[in-house]
Amino acid sequence: MVMGYIVIYAIMALMIAMGIVILAGKGDGLIAGYNTASQEQRDKVNIKRLRLLVAIVLFLSGALIPLLTLELMGGIAYAVIIMMASFVVVYLANTWAMKK
């Protein structure tokens, strides 16, 4: 049981660390889709907004993980929250994070 907590908190720390790296502008290659996009597709993206959006998602996901160990939230509720957040992120990435 203790090993499970260690793994969960390690994942939480990794997500927060990745959010910091992306927010600092050093992890653009870690953003899914952006790293494989052509140069003309990358030119259409406001990378600062995309970095902020991805970092916020990583921070919130990392913050929600300990709630699973405290049993304040069930696994299904966590999955539903993550799915809803994913839809919001995809929408914002395709609207707010694009250059006008």
PDB file of N, CA and C in Angstrom:
ATOM      1  N   MET A   1       0.819  -1.196   0.000  1.00  0.00           N
ATOM      2  CA  MET A   1       0.000   0.000   0.000  1.00  0.00           C
ATOM      3  C   MET A   1       0.863   1.260   0.000  1.00  0.00           C
ATOM      4  N   VAL A   2       1.934   1.249   0.777  1.00  0.00           N
ATOM      5  CA  VAL A   2       2.821   2.412   0.830  1.00  0.00           C
ATOM      6  C   VAL A   2       3.477   2.642  -0.524  1.00  0.00           C
ATOM      7  N   MET A   3       3.813   1.565  -1.207  1.00  0.00           N
ATOM      8  CA  MET A   3       4.438   1.688  -2.526  1.00  0.00           C
ATOM      9  C   MET A   3       3.500   2.396  -3.504  1.00  0.00           C
ATOM     10  N   GLY A   4       2.201   2.125  -3.400  1.00  0.00           N
ATOM     11  CA  GLY A   4       1.232   2.794  -4.254  1.00  0.00           C
ATOM     12  C   GLY A   4       1.212   4.299  -4.023  1.00  0.00           C
ATOM     13  N   TYR A   5       1.306   4.708  -2.752  1.00  0.00           N
ATOM     14  CA  TYR A   5       1.345   6.131  -2.432  1.00  0.00           C
ATOM     15  C   TYR A   5       2.608   6.780  -2.986  1.00  0.00           C
ATOM     16  N   ILE A   6       3.714   6.074  -2.897  1.00  0.00           N
ATOM     17  CA  ILE A   6       4.973   6.610  -3.417  1.00  0.00           C
ATOM     18  C   ILE A   6       4.864   6.830  -4.922  1.00  0.00           C
ATOM     19  N   VAL A   7       4.291   5.874  -5.620  1.00  0.00           N
ATOM     20  CA  VAL A   7       4.137   5.990  -7.073  1.00  0.00           C
ATOM     21  C   VAL A   7       3.208   7.145  -7.419  1.00  0.00           C
ATOM     22  N   ILE A   8       2.100   7.265  -6.708  1.00  0.00           N
ATOM     23  CA  ILE A   8       1.143   8.336  -6.996  1.00  0.00           C
ATOM     24  C   ILE A   8       1.772   9.703  -6.769  1.00  0.00           C
ATOM     25  N   TYR A   9       2.490   9.864  -5.660  1.00  0.00           N
ATOM     26  CA  TYR A   9       3.114  11.160  -5.389  1.00  0.00           C
ATOM     27  C   TYR A   9       4.286  11.428  -6.329  1.00  0.00           C
ATOM     28  N   ALA A  10       4.945  10.405  -6.805  1.00  0.00           N
ATOM     29  CA  ALA A  10       6.002  10.590  -7.799  1.00  0.00           C
ATOM     30  C   ALA A  10       5.401  11.069  -9.121  1.00  0.00           C
ATOM     31  N   ILE A  11       4.261  10.503  -9.497  1.00  0.00           N
ATOM     32  CA  ILE A  11       3.574  10.950 -10.715  1.00  0.00           C
ATOM     33  C   ILE A  11       3.127  12.396 -10.559  1.00  0.00           C
ATOM     34  N   MET A  12       2.607  12.747  -9.376  1.00  0.00           N
ATOM     35  CA  MET A  12       2.189  14.120  -9.113  1.00  0.00           C
ATOM     36  C   MET A  12       3.370  15.077  -9.259  1.00  0.00           C
ATOM     37  N   ALA A  13       4.497  14.724  -8.662  1.00  0.00           N
ATOM     38  CA  ALA A  13       5.684  15.579  -8.743  1.00  0.00           C
ATOM     39  C   ALA A  13       6.175  15.705 -10.180  1.00  0.00           C
ATOM     40  N   LEU A  14       6.118  14.618 -10.939  1.00  0.00           N
ATOM     41  CA  LEU A  14       6.534  14.641 -12.338  1.00  0.00           C
ATOM     42  C   LEU A  14       5.633  15.562 -13.156  1.00  0.00           C
ATOM     43  N   MET A  15       4.336  15.501 -12.932  1.00  0.00           N
ATOM     44  CA  MET A  15       3.408  16.360 -13.673  1.00  0.00           C
ATOM     45  C   MET A  15       3.661  17.830 -13.361  1.00  0.00           C
ATOM     46  N   ILE A  16       3.889  18.139 -12.104  1.00  0.00           N
ATOM     47  CA  ILE A  16       4.160  19.527 -11.734  1.00  0.00           C
ATOM     48  C   ILE A  16       5.491  19.987 -12.322  1.00  0.00           C
ATOM     49  N   ALA A  17       6.497  19.125 -12.286  1.00  0.00           N
ATOM     50  CA  ALA A  17       7.801  19.470 -12.866  1.00  0.00           C
ATOM     51  C   ALA A  17       7.681  19.688 -14.378  1.00  0.00           C
ATOM     52  N   MET A  18       6.924  18.838 -15.050  1.00  0.00           N
ATOM     53  CA  MET A  18       6.730  19.009 -16.489  1.00  0.00           C
ATOM     54  C   MET A  18       5.996  20.310 -16.792  1.00  0.00           C
ATOM     55  N   GLY A  19       5.030  20.666 -15.947  1.00  0.00           N
ATOM     56  CA  GLY A  19       4.324  21.941 -16.116  1.00  0.00           C
ATOM     57  C   GLY A  19       5.267  23.122 -15.999  1.00  0.00           C
ATOM     58  N   ILE A  20       6.196  23.053 -15.055  1.00  0.00           N
ATOM     59  CA  ILE A  20       7.176  24.129 -14.882  1.00  0.00           C
ATOM     60  C   ILE A  20       8.094  24.223 -16.097  1.00  0.00           C
ATOM     61  N   VAL A  21       8.539  23.073 -16.609  1.00  0.00           N
ATOM     62  CA  VAL A  21       9.426  23.053 -17.781  1.00  0.00           C
ATOM     63  C   VAL A  21       8.712  23.643 -18.990  1.00  0.00           C
ATOM     64  N   ILE A  22       7.473  23.265 -19.201  1.00  0.00           N
ATOM     65  CA  ILE A  22       6.727  23.775 -20.354  1.00  0.00           C
ATOM     66  C   ILE A  22       6.441  25.258 -20.194  1.00  0.00           C
ATOM     67  N   LEU A  23       6.074  25.682 -18.996  1.00  0.00           N
ATOM     68  CA  LEU A  23       5.794  27.092 -18.750  1.00  0.00           C
ATOM     69  C   LEU A  23       7.044  27.948 -18.943  1.00  0.00           C
ATOM     70  N   ALA A  24       8.208  27.388 -18.641  1.00  0.00           N
ATOM     71  CA  ALA A  24       9.470  28.109 -18.824  1.00  0.00           C
ATOM     72  C   ALA A  24       9.882  28.197 -20.295  1.00  0.00           C
ATOM     73  N   GLY A  25       9.185  27.477 -21.177  1.00  0.00           N
ATOM     74  CA  GLY A  25       9.491  27.543 -22.601  1.00  0.00           C
ATOM     75  C   GLY A  25      10.544  26.556 -23.056  1.00  0.00           C
ATOM     76  N   LYS A  26      10.884  25.609 -22.215  1.00  0.00           N
ATOM     77  CA  LYS A  26      11.928  24.639 -22.548  1.00  0.00           C
ATOM     78  C   LYS A  26      11.375  23.294 -23.002  1.00  0.00           C
ATOM     79  N   GLY A  27      10.054  23.129 -23.012  1.00  0.00           N
ATOM     80  CA  GLY A  27       9.497  21.826 -23.321  1.00  0.00           C
ATOM     81  C   GLY A  27       8.488  21.823 -24.450  1.00  0.00           C
ATOM     82  N   ASP A  28       8.696  22.672 -25.448  1.00  0.00           N
ATOM     83  CA  ASP A  28       7.741  22.708 -26.562  1.00  0.00           C
ATOM     84  C   ASP A  28       7.653  21.374 -27.282  1.00  0.00           C
ATOM     85  N   GLY A  29       8.733  20.624 -27.296  1.00  0.00           N
ATOM     86  CA  GLY A  29       8.740  19.310 -27.940  1.00  0.00           C
ATOM     87  C   GLY A  29       7.920  18.282 -27.189  1.00  0.00           C
ATOM     88  N   LEU A  30       7.555  18.588 -25.945  1.00  0.00           N
ATOM     89  CA  LEU A  30       6.747  17.661 -25.157  1.00  0.00           C
ATOM     90  C   LEU A  30       5.249  17.854 -25.372  1.00  0.00           C
ATOM     91  N   ILE A  31       4.872  18.933 -26.035  1.00  0.00           N
ATOM     92  CA  ILE A  31       3.456  19.204 -26.272  1.00  0.00           C
ATOM     93  C   ILE A  31       2.993  18.357 -27.445  1.00  0.00           C
ATOM     94  N   ALA A  32       2.033  17.500 -27.176  1.00  0.00           N
ATOM     95  CA  ALA A  32       1.548  16.573 -28.198  1.00  0.00           C
ATOM     96  C   ALA A  32       0.961  17.337 -29.381  1.00  0.00           C
ATOM     97  N   GLY A  33       1.353  16.956 -30.565  1.00  0.00           N
ATOM     98  CA  GLY A  33       0.858  17.580 -31.778  1.00  0.00           C
ATOM     99  C   GLY A  33       1.720  18.736 -32.238  1.00  0.00           C
ATOM    100  N   TYR A  34       2.202  19.529 -31.300  1.00  0.00           N
ATOM    101  CA  TYR A  34       3.035  20.670 -31.683  1.00  0.00           C
ATOM    102  C   TYR A  34       4.399  20.198 -32.170  1.00  0.00           C
ATOM    103  N   ASN A  35       4.919  19.148 -31.549  1.00  0.00           N
ATOM    104  CA  ASN A  35       6.254  18.675 -31.916  1.00  0.00           C
ATOM    105  C   ASN A  35       6.287  18.011 -33.290  1.00  0.00           C
ATOM    106  N   THR A  36       5.156  17.546 -33.782  1.00  0.00           N
ATOM    107  CA  THR A  36       5.125  16.890 -35.092  1.00  0.00           C
ATOM    108  C   THR A  36       4.530  17.782 -36.178  1.00  0.00           C
ATOM    109  N   ALA A  37       4.114  18.979 -35.815  1.00  0.00           N
ATOM    110  CA  ALA A  37       3.490  19.888 -36.785  1.00  0.00           C
ATOM    111  C   ALA A  37       4.545  20.467 -37.721  1.00  0.00           C
ATOM    112  N   SER A  38       4.097  20.781 -38.924  1.00  0.00           N
ATOM    113  CA  SER A  38       5.004  21.428 -39.874  1.00  0.00           C
ATOM    114  C   SER A  38       5.227  22.881 -39.442  1.00  0.00           C
ATOM    115  N   GLN A  39       6.195  23.525 -40.046  1.00  0.00           N
ATOM    116  CA  GLN A  39       6.528  24.898 -39.659  1.00  0.00           C
ATOM    117  C   GLN A  39       5.374  25.855 -39.934  1.00  0.00           C
ATOM    118  N   GLU A  40       4.659  25.666 -41.040  1.00  0.00           N
ATOM    119  CA  GLU A  40       3.536  26.561 -41.334  1.00  0.00           C
ATOM    120  C   GLU A  40       2.378  26.357 -40.344  1.00  0.00           C
ATOM    121  N   GLN A  41       2.205  25.128 -39.856  1.00  0.00           N
ATOM    122  CA  GLN A  41       1.191  24.898 -38.822  1.00  0.00           C
ATOM    123  C   GLN A  41       1.627  25.503 -37.489  1.00  0.00           C
ATOM    124  N   ARG A  42       2.910  25.425 -37.175  1.00  0.00           N
ATOM    125  CA  ARG A  42       3.423  26.019 -35.937  1.00  0.00           C
ATOM    126  C   ARG A  42       3.295  27.537 -35.955  1.00  0.00           C
ATOM    127  N   ASP A  43       3.409  28.131 -37.144  1.00  0.00           N
ATOM    128  CA  ASP A  43       3.297  29.576 -37.260  1.00  0.00           C
ATOM    129  C   ASP A  43       1.884  30.073 -36.960  1.00  0.00           C
ATOM    130  N   LYS A  44       0.897  29.201 -37.043  1.00  0.00           N
ATOM    131  CA  LYS A  44      -0.491  29.571 -36.754  1.00  0.00           C
ATOM    132  C   LYS A  44      -0.826  29.541 -35.263  1.00  0.00           C
ATOM    133  N   VAL A  45       0.092  28.994 -34.455  1.00  0.00           N
ATOM    134  CA  VAL A  45      -0.171  28.788 -33.026  1.00  0.00           C
ATOM    135  C   VAL A  45       0.488  29.892 -32.203  1.00  0.00           C
ATOM    136  N   ASN A  46      -0.253  30.425 -31.249  1.00  0.00           N
ATOM    137  CA  ASN A  46       0.310  31.344 -30.260  1.00  0.00           C
ATOM    138  C   ASN A  46       0.934  30.464 -29.179  1.00  0.00           C
ATOM    139  N   ILE A  47       2.231  30.254 -29.264  1.00  0.00           N
ATOM    140  CA  ILE A  47       2.902  29.267 -28.427  1.00  0.00           C
ATOM    141  C   ILE A  47       2.874  29.650 -26.947  1.00  0.00           C
ATOM    142  N   LYS A  48       2.886  30.942 -26.642  1.00  0.00           N
ATOM    143  CA  LYS A  48       2.835  31.349 -25.237  1.00  0.00           C
ATOM    144  C   LYS A  48       1.512  30.941 -24.598  1.00  0.00           C
ATOM    145  N   ARG A  49       0.431  31.118 -25.323  1.00  0.00           N
ATOM    146  CA  ARG A  49      -0.878  30.706 -24.803  1.00  0.00           C
ATOM    147  C   ARG A  49      -0.985  29.191 -24.698  1.00  0.00           C
ATOM    148  N   LEU A  50      -0.441  28.494 -25.689  1.00  0.00           N
ATOM    149  CA  LEU A  50      -0.478  27.031 -25.659  1.00  0.00           C
ATOM    150  C   LEU A  50       0.342  26.492 -24.489  1.00  0.00           C
ATOM    151  N   ARG A  51       1.513  27.084 -24.254  1.00  0.00           N
ATOM    152  CA  ARG A  51       2.318  26.686 -23.098  1.00  0.00           C
ATOM    153  C   ARG A  51       1.547  26.892 -21.798  1.00  0.00           C
ATOM    154  N   LEU A  52       0.920  28.046 -21.654  1.00  0.00           N
ATOM    155  CA  LEU A  52       0.150  28.343 -20.443  1.00  0.00           C
ATOM    156  C   LEU A  52      -0.981  27.338 -20.261  1.00  0.00           C
ATOM    157  N   LEU A  53      -1.676  27.032 -21.331  1.00  0.00           N
ATOM    158  CA  LEU A  53      -2.787  26.087 -21.278  1.00  0.00           C
ATOM    159  C   LEU A  53      -2.320  24.691 -20.869  1.00  0.00           C
ATOM    160  N   VAL A  54      -1.257  24.213 -21.470  1.00  0.00           N
ATOM    161  CA  VAL A  54      -0.739  22.877 -21.155  1.00  0.00           C
ATOM    162  C   VAL A  54      -0.203  22.835 -19.721  1.00  0.00           C
ATOM    163  N   ALA A  55       0.478  23.890 -19.294  1.00  0.00           N
ATOM    164  CA  ALA A  55       1.007  23.932 -17.932  1.00  0.00           C
ATOM    165  C   ALA A  55      -0.122  23.925 -16.898  1.00  0.00           C
ATOM    166  N   ILE A  56      -1.182  24.669 -17.145  1.00  0.00           N
ATOM    167  CA  ILE A  56      -2.323  24.682 -16.223  1.00  0.00           C
ATOM    168  C   ILE A  56      -2.936  23.293 -16.113  1.00  0.00           C
ATOM    169  N   VAL A  57      -3.074  22.614 -17.238  1.00  0.00           N
ATOM    170  CA  VAL A  57      -3.638  21.259 -17.219  1.00  0.00           C
ATOM    171  C   VAL A  57      -2.744  20.319 -16.419  1.00  0.00           C
ATOM    172  N   LEU A  58      -1.442  20.426 -16.602  1.00  0.00           N
ATOM    173  CA  LEU A  58      -0.529  19.567 -15.849  1.00  0.00           C
ATOM    174  C   LEU A  58      -0.588  19.878 -14.353  1.00  0.00           C
ATOM    175  N   PHE A  59      -0.642  21.143 -13.991  1.00  0.00           N
ATOM    176  CA  PHE A  59      -0.718  21.517 -12.575  1.00  0.00           C
ATOM    177  C   PHE A  59      -2.016  21.011 -11.943  1.00  0.00           C
ATOM    178  N   LEU A  60      -3.132  21.199 -12.645  1.00  0.00           N
ATOM    179  CA  LEU A  60      -4.414  20.744 -12.095  1.00  0.00           C
ATOM    180  C   LEU A  60      -4.482  19.222 -12.009  1.00  0.00           C
ATOM    181  N   SER A  61      -3.957  18.544 -13.010  1.00  0.00           N
ATOM    182  CA  SER A  61      -3.953  17.079 -12.968  1.00  0.00           C
ATOM    183  C   SER A  61      -3.082  16.580 -11.822  1.00  0.00           C
ATOM    184  N   GLY A  62      -1.946  17.208 -11.652  1.00  0.00           N
ATOM    185  CA  GLY A  62      -1.073  16.829 -10.548  1.00  0.00           C
ATOM    186  C   GLY A  62      -1.705  17.115  -9.196  1.00  0.00           C
ATOM    187  N   ALA A  63      -2.467  18.185  -9.109  1.00  0.00           N
ATOM    188  CA  ALA A  63      -3.123  18.527  -7.841  1.00  0.00           C
ATOM    189  C   ALA A  63      -4.282  17.586  -7.527  1.00  0.00           C
ATOM    190  N   LEU A  64      -4.907  17.033  -8.549  1.00  0.00           N
ATOM    191  CA  LEU A  64      -6.048  16.136  -8.324  1.00  0.00           C
ATOM    192  C   LEU A  64      -5.621  14.721  -7.948  1.00  0.00           C
ATOM    193  N   ILE A  65      -4.419  14.330  -8.302  1.00  0.00           N
ATOM    194  CA  ILE A  65      -3.975  12.962  -8.042  1.00  0.00           C
ATOM    195  C   ILE A  65      -3.996  12.599  -6.561  1.00  0.00           C
ATOM    196  N   PRO A  66      -3.524  13.472  -5.638  1.00  0.00           N
ATOM    197  CA  PRO A  66      -3.578  13.083  -4.222  1.00  0.00           C
ATOM    198  C   PRO A  66      -4.995  12.857  -3.699  1.00  0.00           C
ATOM    199  N   LEU A  67      -5.983  13.455  -4.351  1.00  0.00           N
ATOM    200  CA  LEU A  67      -7.363  13.227  -3.923  1.00  0.00           C
ATOM    201  C   LEU A  67      -7.769  11.767  -4.101  1.00  0.00           C
ATOM    202  N   LEU A  68      -7.130  11.080  -5.030  1.00  0.00           N
ATOM    203  CA  LEU A  68      -7.398   9.649  -5.190  1.00  0.00           C
ATOM    204  C   LEU A  68      -6.905   8.864  -3.982  1.00  0.00           C
ATOM    205  N   THR A  69      -5.752   9.253  -3.442  1.00  0.00           N
ATOM    206  CA  THR A  69      -5.199   8.526  -2.302  1.00  0.00           C
ATOM    207  C   THR A  69      -5.950   8.836  -1.018  1.00  0.00           C
ATOM    208  N   LEU A  70      -6.516  10.031  -0.919  1.00  0.00           N
ATOM    209  CA  LEU A  70      -7.275  10.404   0.277  1.00  0.00           C
ATOM    210  C   LEU A  70      -8.701   9.861   0.234  1.00  0.00           C
ATOM    211  N   GLU A  71      -9.057   9.262  -0.876  1.00  0.00           N
ATOM    212  CA  GLU A  71     -10.380   8.682  -1.103  1.00  0.00           C
ATOM    213  C   GLU A  71     -11.495   9.713  -0.935  1.00  0.00           C
ATOM    214  N   LEU A  72     -11.178  10.966  -1.255  1.00  0.00           N
ATOM    215  CA  LEU A  72     -12.198  12.008  -1.283  1.00  0.00           C
ATOM    216  C   LEU A  72     -12.951  11.997  -2.603  1.00  0.00           C
ATOM    217  N   MET A  73     -12.338  11.348  -3.576  1.00  0.00           N
ATOM    218  CA  MET A  73     -12.934  11.309  -4.900  1.00  0.00           C
ATOM    219  C   MET A  73     -12.686   9.913  -5.466  1.00  0.00           C
ATOM    220  N   GLY A  74     -13.693   9.305  -6.018  1.00  0.00           N
ATOM    221  CA  GLY A  74     -13.539   7.981  -6.599  1.00  0.00           C
ATOM    222  C   GLY A  74     -12.842   8.034  -7.940  1.00  0.00           C
ATOM    223  N   GLY A  75     -12.415   6.883  -8.397  1.00  0.00           N
ATOM    224  CA  GLY A  75     -11.726   6.788  -9.673  1.00  0.00           C
ATOM    225  C   GLY A  75     -12.592   7.211 -10.846  1.00  0.00           C
ATOM    226  N   ILE A  76     -13.879   6.917 -10.772  1.00  0.00           N
ATOM    227  CA  ILE A  76     -14.783   7.296 -11.860  1.00  0.00           C
ATOM    228  C   ILE A  76     -14.960   8.805 -11.901  1.00  0.00           C
ATOM    229  N   ALA A  77     -15.101   9.433 -10.728  1.00  0.00           N
ATOM    230  CA  ALA A  77     -15.238  10.889 -10.680  1.00  0.00           C
ATOM    231  C   ALA A  77     -13.974  11.552 -11.223  1.00  0.00           C
ATOM    232  N   TYR A  78     -12.820  11.010 -10.871  1.00  0.00           N
ATOM    233  CA  TYR A  78     -11.551  11.543 -11.374  1.00  0.00           C
ATOM    234  C   TYR A  78     -11.504  11.426 -12.893  1.00  0.00           C
ATOM    235  N   ALA A  79     -11.885  10.282 -13.420  1.00  0.00           N
ATOM    236  CA  ALA A  79     -11.868  10.068 -14.871  1.00  0.00           C
ATOM    237  C   ALA A  79     -12.824  11.028 -15.575  1.00  0.00           C
ATOM    238  N   VAL A  80     -13.989  11.261 -14.995  1.00  0.00           N
ATOM    239  CA  VAL A  80     -14.963  12.179 -15.598  1.00  0.00           C
ATOM    240  C   VAL A  80     -14.411  13.604 -15.606  1.00  0.00           C
ATOM    241  N   ILE A  81     -13.793  14.017 -14.514  1.00  0.00           N
ATOM    242  CA  ILE A  81     -13.219  15.358 -14.447  1.00  0.00           C
ATOM    243  C   ILE A  81     -12.111  15.521 -15.482  1.00  0.00           C
ATOM    244  N   ILE A  82     -11.250  14.522 -15.596  1.00  0.00           N
ATOM    245  CA  ILE A  82     -10.166  14.587 -16.571  1.00  0.00           C
ATOM    246  C   ILE A  82     -10.716  14.613 -17.994  1.00  0.00           C
ATOM    247  N   MET A  83     -11.755  13.839 -18.276  1.00  0.00           N
ATOM    248  CA  MET A  83     -12.356  13.842 -19.614  1.00  0.00           C
ATOM    249  C   MET A  83     -12.981  15.189 -19.934  1.00  0.00           C
ATOM    250  N   MET A  84     -13.698  15.770 -18.983  1.00  0.00           N
ATOM    251  CA  MET A  84     -14.309  17.083 -19.209  1.00  0.00           C
ATOM    252  C   MET A  84     -13.231  18.142 -19.416  1.00  0.00           C
ATOM    253  N   ALA A  85     -12.173  18.086 -18.621  1.00  0.00           N
ATOM    254  CA  ALA A  85     -11.073  19.036 -18.778  1.00  0.00           C
ATOM    255  C   ALA A  85     -10.402  18.858 -20.135  1.00  0.00           C
ATOM    256  N   SER A  86     -10.309  17.628 -20.609  1.00  0.00           N
ATOM    257  CA  SER A  86      -9.702  17.371 -21.917  1.00  0.00           C
ATOM    258  C   SER A  86     -10.494  18.032 -23.033  1.00  0.00           C
ATOM    259  N   PHE A  87     -11.813  17.956 -22.960  1.00  0.00           N
ATOM    260  CA  PHE A  87     -12.650  18.612 -23.971  1.00  0.00           C
ATOM    261  C   PHE A  87     -12.447  20.123 -23.946  1.00  0.00           C
ATOM    262  N   VAL A  88     -12.379  20.698 -22.758  1.00  0.00           N
ATOM    263  CA  VAL A  88     -12.166  22.146 -22.632  1.00  0.00           C
ATOM    264  C   VAL A  88     -10.802  22.527 -23.187  1.00  0.00           C
ATOM    265  N   VAL A  89      -9.789  21.735 -22.888  1.00  0.00           N
ATOM    266  CA  VAL A  89      -8.430  22.026 -23.362  1.00  0.00           C
ATOM    267  C   VAL A  89      -8.353  21.946 -24.880  1.00  0.00           C
ATOM    268  N   VAL A  90      -8.959  20.937 -25.465  1.00  0.00           N
ATOM    269  CA  VAL A  90      -8.938  20.806 -26.926  1.00  0.00           C
ATOM    270  C   VAL A  90      -9.644  22.003 -27.564  1.00  0.00           C
ATOM    271  N   TYR A  91     -10.760  22.419 -27.000  1.00  0.00           N
ATOM    272  CA  TYR A  91     -11.476  23.586 -27.528  1.00  0.00           C
ATOM    273  C   TYR A  91     -10.616  24.846 -27.424  1.00  0.00           C
ATOM    274  N   LEU A  92     -10.038  25.072 -26.242  1.00  0.00           N
ATOM    275  CA  LEU A  92      -9.210  26.270 -26.049  1.00  0.00           C
ATOM    276  C   LEU A  92      -7.951  26.238 -26.910  1.00  0.00           C
ATOM    277  N   ALA A  93      -7.368  25.075 -27.085  1.00  0.00           N
ATOM    278  CA  ALA A  93      -6.166  24.964 -27.912  1.00  0.00           C
ATOM    279  C   ALA A  93      -6.470  25.289 -29.372  1.00  0.00           C
ATOM    280  N   ASN A  94      -7.688  24.999 -29.806  1.00  0.00           N
ATOM    281  CA  ASN A  94      -8.055  25.256 -31.200  1.00  0.00           C
ATOM    282  C   ASN A  94      -8.682  26.623 -31.419  1.00  0.00           C
ATOM    283  N   THR A  95      -8.947  27.365 -30.358  1.00  0.00           N
ATOM    284  CA  THR A  95      -9.524  28.692 -30.508  1.00  0.00           C
ATOM    285  C   THR A  95      -8.634  29.750 -29.858  1.00  0.00           C
ATOM    286  N   TRP A  96      -8.508  29.717 -28.556  1.00  0.00           N
ATOM    287  CA  TRP A  96      -7.799  30.745 -27.804  1.00  0.00           C
ATOM    288  C   TRP A  96      -6.296  30.735 -28.070  1.00  0.00           C
ATOM    289  N   ALA A  97      -5.707  29.576 -28.294  1.00  0.00           N
ATOM    290  CA  ALA A  97      -4.255  29.471 -28.481  1.00  0.00           C
ATOM    291  C   ALA A  97      -3.833  29.607 -29.928  1.00  0.00           C
ATOM    292  N   MET A  98      -4.735  29.994 -30.801  1.00  0.00           N
ATOM    293  CA  MET A  98      -4.383  30.180 -32.211  1.00  0.00           C
ATOM    294  C   MET A  98      -4.197  31.669 -32.496  1.00  0.00           C
ATOM    295  N   LYS A  99      -3.307  31.975 -33.422  1.00  0.00           N
ATOM    296  CA  LYS A  99      -3.116  33.359 -33.815  1.00  0.00           C
ATOM    297  C   LYS A  99      -4.301  33.803 -34.655  1.00  0.00           C
ATOM    298  N   LYS A 100      -4.628  35.041 -34.547  1.00  0.00           N
ATOM    299  CA  LYS A 100      -5.793  35.588 -35.263  1.00  0.00           C
ATOM    300  C   LYS A 100      -5.455  35.938 -36.681  1.00  0.00           C
TER     301      LYS A 100
END
